[in-house]
């Protein structure tokens, strides 16, 4: 229900849903007298409603996803291992105004040989803001992350501290 309220808070989705429903109702009214016209109305109305349903069911219906989009995040990966190893450094090198890194330990960044030179180059290039957010190694969330992190095999607190030290 919360997802529906969020989704339809945006006026254009309400308008689209109402338009689709209205076209479907009109199709019902004209079904016997003008079946071809009613078929067109039903087809367009159904397509609009299908778009609304698919969009609502996908990530676009999530408030958090929309918040990330407003921050300028353009792409998401379900698993960091799906991102090419050197891609992290290429993104950092390509930053023109701002680079924000949000992660737990940033181990993949800090362990990459190209990271340190790229970070130094970006910071000395002038007017480029680099923000790096780590999970607090002394906070409450780190214990939960430790359990999740490769089934507890990696020392999450040590990884976070090592990355902070490297940066």
C-alpha atoms as a PDB file:
ATOM      1  CA  UNK A   1       0.000   0.000   0.000  1.00  0.00           C
ATOM      2  CA  UNK A   2       2.869   2.380   0.835  1.00  0.00           C
ATOM      3  CA  UNK A   3       4.372   1.712  -2.590  1.00  0.00           C
ATOM      4  CA  UNK A   4       1.050   2.543  -4.289  1.00  0.00           C
ATOM      5  CA  UNK A   5       0.730   5.798  -2.345  1.00  0.00           C
ATOM      6  CA  UNK A   6       4.279   6.813  -3.271  1.00  0.00           C
ATOM      7  CA  UNK A   7       3.837   5.860  -6.910  1.00  0.00           C
ATOM      8  CA  UNK A   8       0.572   7.721  -7.390  1.00  0.00           C
ATOM      9  CA  UNK A   9       1.832  10.774  -5.498  1.00  0.00           C
ATOM     10  CA  UNK A  10       3.409  11.673  -8.797  1.00  0.00           C
ATOM     11  CA  UNK A  11       0.573  13.257 -10.772  1.00  0.00           C
ATOM     12  CA  UNK A  12       1.540  11.950 -14.197  1.00  0.00           C
ATOM     13  CA  UNK A  13       1.103   8.306 -13.086  1.00  0.00           C
ATOM     14  CA  UNK A  14      -2.347   9.112 -11.714  1.00  0.00           C
ATOM     15  CA  UNK A  15      -3.181  10.836 -14.971  1.00  0.00           C
ATOM     16  CA  UNK A  16      -1.918   7.928 -17.042  1.00  0.00           C
ATOM     17  CA  UNK A  17      -3.820   5.372 -14.960  1.00  0.00           C
ATOM     18  CA  UNK A  18      -7.021   7.421 -15.200  1.00  0.00           C
ATOM     19  CA  UNK A  19      -6.541   7.892 -18.945  1.00  0.00           C
ATOM     20  CA  UNK A  20      -6.043   4.153 -19.456  1.00  0.00           C
ATOM     21  CA  UNK A  21      -9.079   3.306 -17.326  1.00  0.00           C
ATOM     22  CA  UNK A  22     -11.154   5.966 -19.102  1.00  0.00           C
ATOM     23  CA  UNK A  23     -10.242   4.584 -22.527  1.00  0.00           C
ATOM     24  CA  UNK A  24     -11.184   1.088 -21.367  1.00  0.00           C
ATOM     25  CA  UNK A  25     -14.572   2.387 -20.165  1.00  0.00           C
ATOM     26  CA  UNK A  26     -15.151   4.213 -23.450  1.00  0.00           C
ATOM     27  CA  UNK A  27     -14.283   1.014 -25.296  1.00  0.00           C
ATOM     28  CA  UNK A  28     -17.028  -0.731 -23.310  1.00  0.00           C
ATOM     29  CA  UNK A  29     -19.528   1.997 -24.212  1.00  0.00           C
ATOM     30  CA  UNK A  30     -18.748   1.795 -27.948  1.00  0.00           C
ATOM     31  CA  UNK A  31     -18.237  -1.974 -28.107  1.00  0.00           C
ATOM     32  CA  UNK A  32     -21.543  -2.820 -29.809  1.00  0.00           C
ATOM     33  CA  UNK A  33     -22.106   0.291 -31.917  1.00  0.00           C
ATOM     34  CA  UNK A  34     -18.533   0.853 -33.175  1.00  0.00           C
ATOM     35  CA  UNK A  35     -16.496  -2.318 -32.538  1.00  0.00           C
ATOM     36  CA  UNK A  36     -13.390  -1.227 -34.501  1.00  0.00           C
ATOM     37  CA  UNK A  37     -13.216   2.111 -32.727  1.00  0.00           C
ATOM     38  CA  UNK A  38     -13.814   0.343 -29.406  1.00  0.00           C
ATOM     39  CA  UNK A  39     -10.987  -2.078 -30.223  1.00  0.00           C
ATOM     40  CA  UNK A  40      -8.598   0.821 -30.794  1.00  0.00           C
ATOM     41  CA  UNK A  41      -9.674   2.459 -27.534  1.00  0.00           C
ATOM     42  CA  UNK A  42      -9.314  -0.830 -25.643  1.00  0.00           C
ATOM     43  CA  UNK A  43      -5.884  -1.477 -27.169  1.00  0.00           C
ATOM     44  CA  UNK A  44      -4.520   1.968 -26.331  1.00  0.00           C
ATOM     45  CA  UNK A  45      -6.130   1.972 -22.876  1.00  0.00           C
ATOM     46  CA  UNK A  46      -4.789  -1.493 -22.126  1.00  0.00           C
ATOM     47  CA  UNK A  47      -1.300  -0.507 -23.252  1.00  0.00           C
ATOM     48  CA  UNK A  48      -1.347   2.546 -21.013  1.00  0.00           C
ATOM     49  CA  UNK A  49      -2.542   0.503 -18.038  1.00  0.00           C
ATOM     50  CA  UNK A  50       0.084  -2.162 -18.742  1.00  0.00           C
ATOM     51  CA  UNK A  51       2.784   0.519 -18.741  1.00  0.00           C
ATOM     52  CA  UNK A  52       1.546   1.866 -15.412  1.00  0.00           C
ATOM     53  CA  UNK A  53       1.467  -1.624 -13.862  1.00  0.00           C
ATOM     54  CA  UNK A  54       4.900  -2.662 -15.153  1.00  0.00           C
ATOM     55  CA  UNK A  55       6.454   0.628 -14.039  1.00  0.00           C
ATOM     56  CA  UNK A  56       4.837   0.386 -10.612  1.00  0.00           C
ATOM     57  CA  UNK A  57       6.006  -3.220 -10.195  1.00  0.00           C
ATOM     58  CA  UNK A  58       9.585  -2.396 -11.214  1.00  0.00           C
ATOM     59  CA  UNK A  59      12.176  -0.271  -9.425  1.00  0.00           C
ATOM     60  CA  UNK A  60      10.594   3.002 -10.598  1.00  0.00           C
ATOM     61  CA  UNK A  61       7.856   2.438  -8.026  1.00  0.00           C
ATOM     62  CA  UNK A  62      10.364   2.429  -5.161  1.00  0.00           C
ATOM     63  CA  UNK A  63      10.873   5.653  -3.250  1.00  0.00           C
ATOM     64  CA  UNK A  64      14.541   4.842  -2.539  1.00  0.00           C
ATOM     65  CA  UNK A  65      15.235   4.221  -6.233  1.00  0.00           C
ATOM     66  CA  UNK A  66      13.681   7.580  -7.132  1.00  0.00           C
ATOM     67  CA  UNK A  67      15.787   9.270  -4.450  1.00  0.00           C
ATOM     68  CA  UNK A  68      18.960   7.838  -5.984  1.00  0.00           C
ATOM     69  CA  UNK A  69      17.884   9.070  -9.419  1.00  0.00           C
ATOM     70  CA  UNK A  70      17.368  12.578  -8.032  1.00  0.00           C
ATOM     71  CA  UNK A  71      20.931  12.453  -6.675  1.00  0.00           C
ATOM     72  CA  UNK A  72      22.224  11.750 -10.175  1.00  0.00           C
ATOM     73  CA  UNK A  73      22.797   8.009  -9.841  1.00  0.00           C
ATOM     74  CA  UNK A  74      22.289   6.698 -13.357  1.00  0.00           C
ATOM     75  CA  UNK A  75      23.023   2.989 -13.094  1.00  0.00           C
ATOM     76  CA  UNK A  76      22.750   0.188 -10.540  1.00  0.00           C
ATOM     77  CA  UNK A  77      24.329  -3.257 -10.283  1.00  0.00           C
ATOM     78  CA  UNK A  78      22.903  -6.085  -8.220  1.00  0.00           C
ATOM     79  CA  UNK A  79      26.407  -7.280  -7.341  1.00  0.00           C
ATOM     80  CA  UNK A  80      29.699  -5.366  -7.345  1.00  0.00           C
ATOM     81  CA  UNK A  81      31.433  -8.331  -8.975  1.00  0.00           C
ATOM     82  CA  UNK A  82      29.426  -7.561 -12.129  1.00  0.00           C
ATOM     83  CA  UNK A  83      31.329  -4.289 -12.555  1.00  0.00           C
ATOM     84  CA  UNK A  84      34.578  -4.616 -14.532  1.00  0.00           C
ATOM     85  CA  UNK A  85      37.581  -4.395 -12.193  1.00  0.00           C
ATOM     86  CA  UNK A  86      39.157  -1.302 -13.771  1.00  0.00           C
ATOM     87  CA  UNK A  87      35.811   0.456 -14.248  1.00  0.00           C
ATOM     88  CA  UNK A  88      35.955   1.924 -10.733  1.00  0.00           C
ATOM     89  CA  UNK A  89      39.155   3.803 -11.518  1.00  0.00           C
ATOM     90  CA  UNK A  90      37.862   4.937 -14.936  1.00  0.00           C
ATOM     91  CA  UNK A  91      34.806   6.473 -13.263  1.00  0.00           C
ATOM     92  CA  UNK A  92      36.963   8.263 -10.702  1.00  0.00           C
ATOM     93  CA  UNK A  93      39.312   9.558 -13.403  1.00  0.00           C
ATOM     94  CA  UNK A  94      36.328  10.769 -15.412  1.00  0.00           C
ATOM     95  CA  UNK A  95      34.822  12.822 -12.578  1.00  0.00           C
ATOM     96  CA  UNK A  96      34.602  16.470 -13.561  1.00  0.00           C
ATOM     97  CA  UNK A  97      32.870  18.026 -10.547  1.00  0.00           C
ATOM     98  CA  UNK A  98      32.035  15.351  -7.970  1.00  0.00           C
ATOM     99  CA  UNK A  99      32.631  11.703  -7.202  1.00  0.00           C
ATOM    100  CA  UNK A 100      30.725  10.125  -4.339  1.00  0.00           C
ATOM    101  CA  UNK A 101      31.639   6.617  -3.204  1.00  0.00           C
ATOM    102  CA  UNK A 102      29.102   4.904  -0.998  1.00  0.00           C
ATOM    103  CA  UNK A 103      30.041   1.520   0.400  1.00  0.00           C
ATOM    104  CA  UNK A 104      30.867  -0.632   3.370  1.00  0.00           C
ATOM    105  CA  UNK A 105      34.634  -0.993   3.170  1.00  0.00           C
ATOM    106  CA  UNK A 106      35.535   0.097  -0.378  1.00  0.00           C
ATOM    107  CA  UNK A 107      37.937  -2.819  -0.540  1.00  0.00           C
ATOM    108  CA  UNK A 108      37.617  -3.122  -4.315  1.00  0.00           C
ATOM    109  CA  UNK A 109      38.577   0.509  -4.740  1.00  0.00           C
ATOM    110  CA  UNK A 110      41.441   0.585  -2.297  1.00  0.00           C
ATOM    111  CA  UNK A 111      42.952  -2.706  -3.463  1.00  0.00           C
ATOM    112  CA  UNK A 112      43.065  -1.554  -7.099  1.00  0.00           C
ATOM    113  CA  UNK A 113      46.565  -0.397  -8.078  1.00  0.00           C
ATOM    114  CA  UNK A 114      45.135   2.476 -10.110  1.00  0.00           C
ATOM    115  CA  UNK A 115      42.963   3.876  -7.323  1.00  0.00           C
ATOM    116  CA  UNK A 116      45.508   5.885  -5.334  1.00  0.00           C
ATOM    117  CA  UNK A 117      47.026   7.683  -8.365  1.00  0.00           C
ATOM    118  CA  UNK A 118      43.546   8.379  -9.754  1.00  0.00           C
ATOM    119  CA  UNK A 119      42.350   9.767  -6.406  1.00  0.00           C
ATOM    120  CA  UNK A 120      45.419  11.987  -6.040  1.00  0.00           C
ATOM    121  CA  UNK A 121      45.035  13.220  -9.627  1.00  0.00           C
ATOM    122  CA  UNK A 122      41.360  14.068  -9.125  1.00  0.00           C
ATOM    123  CA  UNK A 123      41.968  15.824  -5.816  1.00  0.00           C
ATOM    124  CA  UNK A 124      44.835  17.911  -7.228  1.00  0.00           C
ATOM    125  CA  UNK A 125      42.968  18.705 -10.472  1.00  0.00           C
ATOM    126  CA  UNK A 126      41.077  21.396  -8.583  1.00  0.00           C
ATOM    127  CA  UNK A 127      37.380  21.994  -7.980  1.00  0.00           C
ATOM    128  CA  UNK A 128      36.607  18.274  -7.923  1.00  0.00           C
ATOM    129  CA  UNK A 129      34.851  17.108  -4.790  1.00  0.00           C
ATOM    130  CA  UNK A 130      35.452  13.483  -3.784  1.00  0.00           C
ATOM    131  CA  UNK A 131      33.330  12.105  -0.958  1.00  0.00           C
ATOM    132  CA  UNK A 132      33.887   8.611   0.390  1.00  0.00           C
ATOM    133  CA  UNK A 133      31.367   7.157   2.826  1.00  0.00           C
ATOM    134  CA  UNK A 134      32.296   4.075   4.839  1.00  0.00           C
ATOM    135  CA  UNK A 135      30.297   1.909   7.190  1.00  0.00           C
ATOM    136  CA  UNK A 136      31.259   2.961  10.726  1.00  0.00           C
ATOM    137  CA  UNK A 137      33.596   0.201  12.005  1.00  0.00           C
ATOM    138  CA  UNK A 138      32.463   1.016  15.555  1.00  0.00           C
ATOM    139  CA  UNK A 139      28.753   1.324  14.756  1.00  0.00           C
ATOM    140  CA  UNK A 140      25.858  -1.045  15.318  1.00  0.00           C
ATOM    141  CA  UNK A 141      25.465  -1.958  11.639  1.00  0.00           C
ATOM    142  CA  UNK A 142      28.939  -3.401  11.234  1.00  0.00           C
ATOM    143  CA  UNK A 143      28.117  -6.583  13.171  1.00  0.00           C
ATOM    144  CA  UNK A 144      25.209  -7.346  10.852  1.00  0.00           C
ATOM    145  CA  UNK A 145      27.370  -6.623   7.814  1.00  0.00           C
ATOM    146  CA  UNK A 146      30.073  -8.914   9.227  1.00  0.00           C
ATOM    147  CA  UNK A 147      27.549 -11.772   9.295  1.00  0.00           C
ATOM    148  CA  UNK A 148      26.503 -11.031   5.699  1.00  0.00           C
ATOM    149  CA  UNK A 149      30.027 -10.448   4.368  1.00  0.00           C
ATOM    150  CA  UNK A 150      30.947 -13.744   2.691  1.00  0.00           C
ATOM    151  CA  UNK A 151      29.107 -15.616   5.433  1.00  0.00           C
ATOM    152  CA  UNK A 152      31.296 -14.063   8.105  1.00  0.00           C
ATOM    153  CA  UNK A 153      34.599 -15.243   6.611  1.00  0.00           C
ATOM    154  CA  UNK A 154      36.049 -11.766   6.038  1.00  0.00           C
ATOM    155  CA  UNK A 155      36.881  -9.385   8.858  1.00  0.00           C
ATOM    156  CA  UNK A 156      34.638  -6.476   7.912  1.00  0.00           C
ATOM    157  CA  UNK A 157      35.879  -4.130  10.643  1.00  0.00           C
ATOM    158  CA  UNK A 158      39.505  -4.687   9.638  1.00  0.00           C
ATOM    159  CA  UNK A 159      38.656  -4.177   5.954  1.00  0.00           C
ATOM    160  CA  UNK A 160      36.906  -0.880   6.716  1.00  0.00           C
ATOM    161  CA  UNK A 161      39.784   0.352   8.863  1.00  0.00           C
ATOM    162  CA  UNK A 162      42.359  -0.663   6.236  1.00  0.00           C
ATOM    163  CA  UNK A 163      40.437   1.188   3.539  1.00  0.00           C
ATOM    164  CA  UNK A 164      40.076   4.307   5.676  1.00  0.00           C
ATOM    165  CA  UNK A 165      43.829   4.172   6.366  1.00  0.00           C
ATOM    166  CA  UNK A 166      44.568   3.744   2.637  1.00  0.00           C
ATOM    167  CA  UNK A 167      42.452   6.761   1.761  1.00  0.00           C
END
